[in-house]
C-alpha atoms as a PDB file:
ATOM      1  CA  MET A   1       0.059  -0.064   0.025  1.00  0.00           C
ATOM      2  CA  ASP A   2       1.413   3.507  -0.980  1.00  0.00           C
ATOM      3  CA  LYS A   3       1.661   5.265   2.344  1.00  0.00           C
ATOM      4  CA  ASN A   4       1.606   8.669   0.540  1.00  0.00           C
ATOM      5  CA  ILE A   5      -2.048   8.123  -0.653  1.00  0.00           C
ATOM      6  CA  VAL A   6      -4.669   9.202   1.953  1.00  0.00           C
ATOM      7  CA  GLU A   7      -6.776   6.176   2.861  1.00  0.00           C
ATOM      8  CA  LEU A   8      -9.828   8.286   3.802  1.00  0.00           C
ATOM      9  CA  ALA A   9     -10.786  11.710   3.477  1.00  0.00           C
ATOM     10  CA  VAL A  10     -13.766  12.646   5.736  1.00  0.00           C
ATOM     11  CA  VAL A  11     -15.616  15.728   4.127  1.00  0.00           C
ATOM     12  CA  MET A  12     -17.911  17.863   6.206  1.00  0.00           C
ATOM     13  CA  PRO A  13     -19.681  21.005   5.220  1.00  0.00           C
ATOM     14  CA  VAL A  14     -20.483  23.272   8.099  1.00  0.00           C
ATOM     15  CA  TYR A  15     -22.388  26.621   8.630  1.00  0.00           C
ATOM     16  CA  ASN A  16     -22.744  28.493  11.980  1.00  0.00           C
ATOM     17  CA  GLU A  17     -21.872  25.686  14.184  1.00  0.00           C
ATOM     18  CA  GLN A  18     -19.883  27.125  17.056  1.00  0.00           C
ATOM     19  CA  GLU A  19     -22.053  25.414  19.481  1.00  0.00           C
ATOM     20  CA  ILE A  20     -21.210  21.782  18.438  1.00  0.00           C
ATOM     21  CA  ILE A  21     -18.340  21.854  15.869  1.00  0.00           C
ATOM     22  CA  ARG A  22     -15.486  21.454  18.607  1.00  0.00           C
ATOM     23  CA  ARG A  23     -17.172  18.370  20.204  1.00  0.00           C
ATOM     24  CA  THR A  24     -17.909  16.935  16.847  1.00  0.00           C
ATOM     25  CA  VAL A  25     -14.556  17.095  15.550  1.00  0.00           C
ATOM     26  CA  THR A  26     -12.984  15.945  18.753  1.00  0.00           C
ATOM     27  CA  GLU A  27     -15.353  12.827  18.733  1.00  0.00           C
ATOM     28  CA  TRP A  28     -14.069  12.202  15.095  1.00  0.00           C
ATOM     29  CA  GLU A  29     -10.456  12.529  15.986  1.00  0.00           C
ATOM     30  CA  TYR A  30     -10.765   9.938  18.598  1.00  0.00           C
ATOM     31  CA  LEU A  31     -12.611   7.392  16.482  1.00  0.00           C
ATOM     32  CA  LEU A  32     -10.281   7.769  13.493  1.00  0.00           C
ATOM     33  CA  LYS A  33      -7.341   7.310  15.728  1.00  0.00           C
ATOM     34  CA  GLN A  34      -8.899   4.184  17.197  1.00  0.00           C
ATOM     35  CA  LEU A  35      -9.479   2.746  13.926  1.00  0.00           C
ATOM     36  CA  ASP A  36      -5.830   3.582  12.918  1.00  0.00           C
ATOM     37  CA  ILE A  37      -6.999   4.944   9.436  1.00  0.00           C
ATOM     38  CA  ASN A  38      -4.594   7.372   7.578  1.00  0.00           C
ATOM     39  CA  TYR A  39      -7.017  10.138   7.178  1.00  0.00           C
ATOM     40  CA  GLU A  40      -7.522  13.753   6.406  1.00  0.00           C
ATOM     41  CA  PHE A  41     -10.607  15.726   7.856  1.00  0.00           C
ATOM     42  CA  HIS A  42     -11.633  18.411   5.469  1.00  0.00           C
ATOM     43  CA  ILE A  43     -14.177  20.854   6.934  1.00  0.00           C
ATOM     44  CA  TYR A  44     -15.778  23.272   4.413  1.00  0.00           C
ATOM     45  CA  ASP A  45     -16.990  26.296   6.215  1.00  0.00           C
ATOM     46  CA  ASP A  46     -19.745  27.541   4.064  1.00  0.00           C
ATOM     47  CA  GLY A  47     -19.618  31.328   4.892  1.00  0.00           C
ATOM     48  CA  SER A  48     -20.429  31.039   8.590  1.00  0.00           C
ATOM     49  CA  LYS A  49     -21.224  34.338  10.435  1.00  0.00           C
ATOM     50  CA  ASP A  50     -20.436  33.187  14.009  1.00  0.00           C
ATOM     51  CA  ASN A  51     -17.237  31.841  15.561  1.00  0.00           C
ATOM     52  CA  THR A  52     -17.125  28.520  13.494  1.00  0.00           C
ATOM     53  CA  PRO A  53     -14.046  29.649  11.547  1.00  0.00           C
ATOM     54  CA  LYS A  54     -12.114  30.663  14.498  1.00  0.00           C
ATOM     55  CA  ILE A  55     -12.738  27.270  16.190  1.00  0.00           C
ATOM     56  CA  LEU A  56     -11.731  25.442  12.962  1.00  0.00           C
ATOM     57  CA  LYS A  57      -8.433  27.398  12.787  1.00  0.00           C
ATOM     58  CA  GLU A  58      -7.842  26.357  16.594  1.00  0.00           C
ATOM     59  CA  LEU A  59      -8.613  22.666  15.794  1.00  0.00           C
ATOM     60  CA  ALA A  60      -6.374  22.706  12.682  1.00  0.00           C
ATOM     61  CA  ALA A  61      -3.413  24.345  14.733  1.00  0.00           C
ATOM     62  CA  ALA A  62      -3.715  21.407  17.268  1.00  0.00           C
ATOM     63  CA  ASN A  63      -3.885  18.580  14.520  1.00  0.00           C
ATOM     64  CA  PRO A  64      -2.448  18.883  11.079  1.00  0.00           C
ATOM     65  CA  LYS A  65      -4.864  16.181   9.797  1.00  0.00           C
ATOM     66  CA  ILE A  66      -7.848  18.685  10.205  1.00  0.00           C
ATOM     67  CA  ILE A  67      -7.841  20.863   7.132  1.00  0.00           C
ATOM     68  CA  PRO A  68     -10.448  23.650   7.219  1.00  0.00           C
ATOM     69  CA  HIS A  69     -11.567  25.375   3.919  1.00  0.00           C
ATOM     70  CA  PHE A  70     -13.288  28.768   3.935  1.00  0.00           C
ATOM     71  CA  GLN A  71     -15.606  30.114   1.269  1.00  0.00           C
ATOM     72  CA  PRO A  72     -18.573  32.407   0.782  1.00  0.00           C
ATOM     73  CA  MET A  73     -21.990  30.674   1.380  1.00  0.00           C
ATOM     74  CA  THR A  74     -22.972  28.287  -1.563  1.00  0.00           C
ATOM     75  CA  GLY A  75     -25.315  25.996   0.302  1.00  0.00           C
ATOM     76  CA  HIS A  76     -24.873  22.577   1.653  1.00  0.00           C
ATOM     77  CA  GLY A  77     -25.036  20.716  -1.665  1.00  0.00           C
ATOM     78  CA  PRO A  78     -22.517  22.608  -3.577  1.00  0.00           C
ATOM     79  CA  ALA A  79     -20.165  22.611  -0.584  1.00  0.00           C
ATOM     80  CA  SER A  80     -20.377  18.751  -0.199  1.00  0.00           C
ATOM     81  CA  LEU A  81     -19.759  18.494  -4.064  1.00  0.00           C
ATOM     82  CA  LEU A  82     -16.679  20.704  -3.901  1.00  0.00           C
ATOM     83  CA  GLY A  83     -15.359  18.712  -0.907  1.00  0.00           C
ATOM     84  CA  CYS A  84     -15.845  15.520  -2.787  1.00  0.00           C
ATOM     85  CA  ARG A  85     -14.052  16.821  -6.013  1.00  0.00           C
ATOM     86  CA  GLU A  86     -11.019  18.349  -4.187  1.00  0.00           C
ATOM     87  CA  ASN A  87     -10.435  15.179  -2.203  1.00  0.00           C
ATOM     88  CA  SER A  88     -11.067  12.468  -4.659  1.00  0.00           C
ATOM     89  CA  ALA A  89      -7.383  11.586  -4.752  1.00  0.00           C
ATOM     90  CA  ALA A  90      -7.976   9.832  -1.533  1.00  0.00           C
ATOM     91  CA  ARG A  91      -8.861   6.163  -1.710  1.00  0.00           C
ATOM     92  CA  TRP A  92     -12.162   6.644   0.121  1.00  0.00           C
ATOM     93  CA  ILE A  93     -14.313   9.615   0.746  1.00  0.00           C
ATOM     94  CA  PHE A  94     -16.772   9.716   3.746  1.00  0.00           C
ATOM     95  CA  LEU A  95     -19.402  12.460   3.197  1.00  0.00           C
ATOM     96  CA  THR A  96     -21.140  13.492   6.379  1.00  0.00           C
ATOM     97  CA  ASP A  97     -22.338  16.600   8.219  1.00  0.00           C
ATOM     98  CA  SER A  98     -21.865  17.808  11.665  1.00  0.00           C
ATOM     99  CA  GLY A  99     -25.854  17.989  12.515  1.00  0.00           C
ATOM    100  CA  SER A 100     -26.314  14.452  13.821  1.00  0.00           C
ATOM    101  CA  ASP A 101     -24.484  11.870  15.717  1.00  0.00           C
ATOM    102  CA  ALA A 102     -25.644   9.063  13.436  1.00  0.00           C
ATOM    103  CA  SER A 103     -22.671   9.342  10.965  1.00  0.00           C
ATOM    104  CA  PHE A 104     -20.031   9.226  13.838  1.00  0.00           C
ATOM    105  CA  LYS A 105     -21.922   6.294  15.690  1.00  0.00           C
ATOM    106  CA  ASN A 106     -22.396   4.216  12.580  1.00  0.00           C
ATOM    107  CA  PHE A 107     -19.001   4.745  10.672  1.00  0.00           C
ATOM    108  CA  GLY A 108     -17.177   1.965  12.204  1.00  0.00           C
ATOM    109  CA  ARG A 109     -19.799  -0.394  10.781  1.00  0.00           C
ATOM    110  CA  MET A 110     -19.585   1.295   7.446  1.00  0.00           C
ATOM    111  CA  TRP A 111     -15.731   1.189   7.264  1.00  0.00           C
ATOM    112  CA  GLY A 112     -15.781  -2.436   7.922  1.00  0.00           C
ATOM    113  CA  MET A 113     -17.835  -3.282   4.882  1.00  0.00           C
ATOM    114  CA  ARG A 114     -15.692  -1.534   2.330  1.00  0.00           C
ATOM    115  CA  ARG A 115     -13.989  -4.655   1.070  1.00  0.00           C
ATOM    116  CA  THR A 116     -17.419  -5.967   0.084  1.00  0.00           C
ATOM    117  CA  TYR A 117     -19.144  -2.650  -1.221  1.00  0.00           C
ATOM    118  CA  TYR A 118     -17.744   0.454  -3.154  1.00  0.00           C
ATOM    119  CA  PHE A 119     -20.744   2.623  -1.977  1.00  0.00           C
ATOM    120  CA  ILE A 120     -22.324   2.376   1.374  1.00  0.00           C
ATOM    121  CA  VAL A 121     -25.234   4.702   2.391  1.00  0.00           C
ATOM    122  CA  ALA A 122     -26.845   5.087   5.595  1.00  0.00           C
ATOM    123  CA  ARG A 123     -30.552   4.765   5.347  1.00  0.00           C
ATOM    124  CA  ARG A 124     -31.802   6.975   7.908  1.00  0.00           C
ATOM    125  CA  LYS A 125     -34.593   5.660  10.439  1.00  0.00           C
ATOM    126  CA  ARG A 126     -36.718   8.525  11.621  1.00  0.00           C
ATOM    127  CA  THR A 127     -40.192   9.568  12.092  1.00  0.00           C
ATOM    128  CA  LEU A 128     -41.207  11.500   9.044  1.00  0.00           C
ATOM    129  CA  GLY A 129     -43.846  14.230   8.740  1.00  0.00           C
ATOM    130  CA  ILE A 130     -46.213  13.839   5.905  1.00  0.00           C
ATOM    131  CA  GLU A 131     -44.137  16.426   3.748  1.00  0.00           C
ATOM    132  CA  HIS A 132     -40.820  14.556   4.480  1.00  0.00           C
ATOM    133  CA  PHE A 133     -42.420  11.265   3.608  1.00  0.00           C
ATOM    134  CA  ILE A 134     -43.818  12.546   0.218  1.00  0.00           C
ATOM    135  CA  ILE A 135     -40.431  14.033  -0.645  1.00  0.00           C
ATOM    136  CA  SER A 136     -38.328  10.917   0.139  1.00  0.00           C
ATOM    137  CA  THR A 137     -40.929   8.751  -1.754  1.00  0.00           C
ATOM    138  CA  ILE A 138     -40.932  10.930  -4.761  1.00  0.00           C
ATOM    139  CA  CYS A 139     -37.178  11.181  -4.994  1.00  0.00           C
ATOM    140  CA  SER A 140     -36.665   7.520  -4.727  1.00  0.00           C
ATOM    141  CA  ILE A 141     -39.051   6.810  -7.469  1.00  0.00           C
ATOM    142  CA  ILE A 142     -37.756   9.543  -9.881  1.00  0.00           C
ATOM    143  CA  ILE A 143     -34.195   8.173  -9.309  1.00  0.00           C
ATOM    144  CA  LYS A 144     -35.327   4.668 -10.148  1.00  0.00           C
ATOM    145  CA  ILE A 145     -37.218   5.734 -13.361  1.00  0.00           C
ATOM    146  CA  LEU A 146     -34.290   7.979 -14.429  1.00  0.00           C
ATOM    147  CA  PHE A 147     -31.381   5.699 -13.657  1.00  0.00           C
ATOM    148  CA  GLY A 148     -32.966   2.309 -13.954  1.00  0.00           C
ATOM    149  CA  ARG A 149     -32.314   1.410 -10.154  1.00  0.00           C
ATOM    150  CA  GLY A 150     -32.588   3.006  -6.858  1.00  0.00           C
ATOM    151  CA  ILE A 151     -32.509   3.055  -3.093  1.00  0.00           C
ATOM    152  CA  PHE A 152     -34.840   4.621  -0.683  1.00  0.00           C
ATOM    153  CA  ASP A 153     -32.658   7.247   1.001  1.00  0.00           C
ATOM    154  CA  VAL A 154     -31.324   8.700  -2.201  1.00  0.00           C
ATOM    155  CA  ASN A 155     -30.177  11.863  -0.541  1.00  0.00           C
ATOM    156  CA  SER A 156     -28.546  10.586   2.619  1.00  0.00           C
ATOM    157  CA  PRO A 157     -25.713  12.712   3.686  1.00  0.00           C
ATOM    158  CA  CYS A 158     -23.954   9.929   5.518  1.00  0.00           C
ATOM    159  CA  ARG A 159     -22.158   7.970   2.703  1.00  0.00           C
ATOM    160  CA  LEU A 160     -18.781   6.024   2.117  1.00  0.00           C
ATOM    161  CA  MET A 161     -17.496   6.070  -1.434  1.00  0.00           C
ATOM    162  CA  PHE A 162     -14.596   4.406  -3.174  1.00  0.00           C
ATOM    163  CA  CYS A 163     -13.021   7.281  -5.069  1.00  0.00           C
ATOM    164  CA  HIS A 164     -11.821   5.318  -8.092  1.00  0.00           C
ATOM    165  CA  ALA A 165     -15.567   4.430  -8.811  1.00  0.00           C
ATOM    166  CA  PHE A 166     -16.877   8.069  -8.154  1.00  0.00           C
ATOM    167  CA  ARG A 167     -14.104  10.481  -9.390  1.00  0.00           C
ATOM    168  CA  ASP A 168     -15.607  11.172 -12.708  1.00  0.00           C
ATOM    169  CA  ILE A 169     -19.230  11.275 -11.375  1.00  0.00           C
ATOM    170  CA  PHE A 170     -18.197  14.139  -9.083  1.00  0.00           C
ATOM    171  CA  GLN A 171     -16.562  16.054 -11.987  1.00  0.00           C
ATOM    172  CA  MET A 172     -19.690  15.585 -14.246  1.00  0.00           C
ATOM    173  CA  ILE A 173     -21.961  17.170 -11.781  1.00  0.00           C
ATOM    174  CA  PRO A 174     -22.549  20.961 -12.233  1.00  0.00           C
ATOM    175  CA  GLU A 175     -20.970  22.867  -9.276  1.00  0.00           C
ATOM    176  CA  ASN A 176     -24.224  24.731  -8.229  1.00  0.00           C
ATOM    177  CA  THR A 177     -26.289  21.612  -7.978  1.00  0.00           C
ATOM    178  CA  TYR A 178     -28.635  21.944  -4.965  1.00  0.00           C
ATOM    179  CA  ALA A 179     -28.800  18.255  -4.042  1.00  0.00           C
ATOM    180  CA  PRO A 180     -25.883  16.530  -5.873  1.00  0.00           C
ATOM    181  CA  ASN A 181     -26.248  13.266  -3.681  1.00  0.00           C
ATOM    182  CA  LEU A 182     -29.320  12.563  -5.817  1.00  0.00           C
ATOM    183  CA  ILE A 183     -27.245  12.476  -8.721  1.00  0.00           C
ATOM    184  CA  ILE A 184     -24.252  10.616  -7.178  1.00  0.00           C
ATOM    185  CA  THR A 185     -26.732   7.997  -5.869  1.00  0.00           C
ATOM    186  CA  GLY A 186     -28.538   7.683  -9.344  1.00  0.00           C
ATOM    187  CA  GLU A 187     -25.170   7.256 -11.264  1.00  0.00           C
ATOM    188  CA  ALA A 188     -23.976   4.684  -8.715  1.00  0.00           C
ATOM    189  CA  CYS A 189     -27.105   2.750  -9.335  1.00  0.00           C
ATOM    190  CA  ARG A 190     -26.950   3.202 -13.038  1.00  0.00           C
ATOM    191  CA  ARG A 191     -23.466   2.059 -13.294  1.00  0.00           C
ATOM    192  CA  GLN A 192     -24.177  -0.755 -10.901  1.00  0.00           C
ATOM    193  CA  ILE A 193     -21.419   0.151  -8.532  1.00  0.00           C
ATOM    194  CA  ALA A 194     -21.468  -2.336  -5.584  1.00  0.00           C
ATOM    195  CA  LEU A 195     -23.640  -0.657  -3.047  1.00  0.00           C
ATOM    196  CA  CYS A 196     -25.400  -1.339   0.276  1.00  0.00           C
ATOM    197  CA  GLU A 197     -28.025   0.639   2.034  1.00  0.00           C
ATOM    198  CA  LEU A 198     -27.204   0.089   5.677  1.00  0.00           C
ATOM    199  CA  GLN A 199     -30.090   0.849   8.232  1.00  0.00           C
ATOM    200  CA  ILE A 200     -29.079   2.974  10.991  1.00  0.00           C
ATOM    201  CA  ASP A 201     -31.142   3.301  14.295  1.00  0.00           C
ATOM    202  CA  SER A 202     -31.529   7.085  14.312  1.00  0.00           C
ATOM    203  CA  TYR A 203     -30.891  10.461  12.658  1.00  0.00           C
ATOM    204  CA  HIS A 204     -31.882  13.534  14.650  1.00  0.00           C
ATOM    205  CA  ALA A 205     -30.504  16.887  13.935  1.00  0.00           C
ATOM    206  CA  LYS A 206     -28.439  18.552  16.769  1.00  0.00           C
ATOM    207  CA  PRO A 207     -29.425  21.982  18.011  1.00  0.00           C
ATOM    208  CA  GLY A 208     -26.854  24.541  16.897  1.00  0.00           C
ATOM    209  CA  SER A 209     -26.316  23.223  13.385  1.00  0.00           C
ATOM    210  CA  GLY A 210     -26.934  26.063  11.048  1.00  0.00           C
ATOM    211  CA  TYR A 211     -27.887  23.974   8.042  1.00  0.00           C
ATOM    212  CA  TYR A 212     -30.739  22.436   9.958  1.00  0.00           C
ATOM    213  CA  THR A 213     -32.290  25.962  10.989  1.00  0.00           C
ATOM    214  CA  LYS A 214     -34.818  25.381   8.064  1.00  0.00           C
ATOM    215  CA  ASP A 215     -36.452  22.129   7.022  1.00  0.00           C
ATOM    216  CA  ILE A 216     -36.475  21.172   3.401  1.00  0.00           C
ATOM    217  CA  THR A 217     -39.584  22.074   1.422  1.00  0.00           C
ATOM    218  CA  LEU A 218     -41.373  20.990  -1.341  1.00  0.00           C
ATOM    219  CA  ILE A 219     -40.222  23.781  -3.416  1.00  0.00           C
ATOM    220  CA  THR A 220     -36.482  22.974  -2.713  1.00  0.00           C
ATOM    221  CA  ALA A 221     -37.197  19.266  -3.339  1.00  0.00           C
ATOM    222  CA  PHE A 222     -38.638  19.921  -6.711  1.00  0.00           C
ATOM    223  CA  LYS A 223     -35.709  22.154  -7.533  1.00  0.00           C
ATOM    224  CA  ALA A 224     -33.254  19.491  -6.795  1.00  0.00           C
ATOM    225  CA  LEU A 225     -35.445  16.901  -8.808  1.00  0.00           C
ATOM    226  CA  PHE A 226     -35.406  19.198 -11.695  1.00  0.00           C
ATOM    227  CA  GLN A 227     -31.710  19.594 -11.743  1.00  0.00           C
ATOM    228  CA  THR A 228     -31.335  15.808 -11.581  1.00  0.00           C
ATOM    229  CA  ILE A 229     -33.731  15.217 -14.509  1.00  0.00           C
ATOM    230  CA  MET A 230     -31.848  17.991 -16.512  1.00  0.00           C
ATOM    231  CA  PHE A 231     -28.642  16.156 -15.798  1.00  0.00           C
ATOM    232  CA  ARG A 232     -29.773  12.835 -16.773  1.00  0.00           C
ATOM    233  CA  LEU A 233     -31.294  14.040 -19.975  1.00  0.00           C
ATOM    234  CA  LYS A 234     -27.953  15.861 -20.764  1.00  0.00           C
ATOM    235  CA  ASN A 235     -25.918  12.621 -20.170  1.00  0.00           C
ATOM    236  CA  LEU A 236     -28.090   9.941 -21.762  1.00  0.00           C
ATOM    237  CA  GLN A 237     -26.169   6.934 -22.716  1.00  0.00           C
END
């Protein structure tokens, strides 16, 4: 194994998360050390207006494996896509967010499955309101129609990806895509990349996570679906 290649790049977009970011990063540091992984932790600050950037700089000064990136706000989706693009030279990318403990608690299980699957997605188990249920169902159906195969939680933010299988997918997706995870999931299904949808116990947003101050709406969901449909029509094969 080439020791110069990063085994795992953790990509985490954040926004206004001063209340939770230090604890979240510290937990991840401990876990990755316990698993003895050659990792880099790339945190994309998406234009935070609180003390999140200051805290990230302090964390990076204490651990060179923590690499913060600072940019004007683009949104969770574009920030996630940028992180995947910029770090796809690693063997694996784990895309997550700081708004829930679910990724942290289930990462060990997902990492242990990497020799069998190239794409491991956490299927979130939670009580959905009627609007969220409709959105999830519609997204799942549309992805299956467009890409010939699908999974239920097509937009799960907790996903482990083998970079060799996904590198060109990251580059194909327009940088301003609202929900790139839909396209990433769809392309993985269409290409029949070995995947597993892993049921996790819970997924509840933490208080203090800026990205979760507003719930997704039907309007934003249909925007994401429209972009996904246009992507598929432009890339018919």
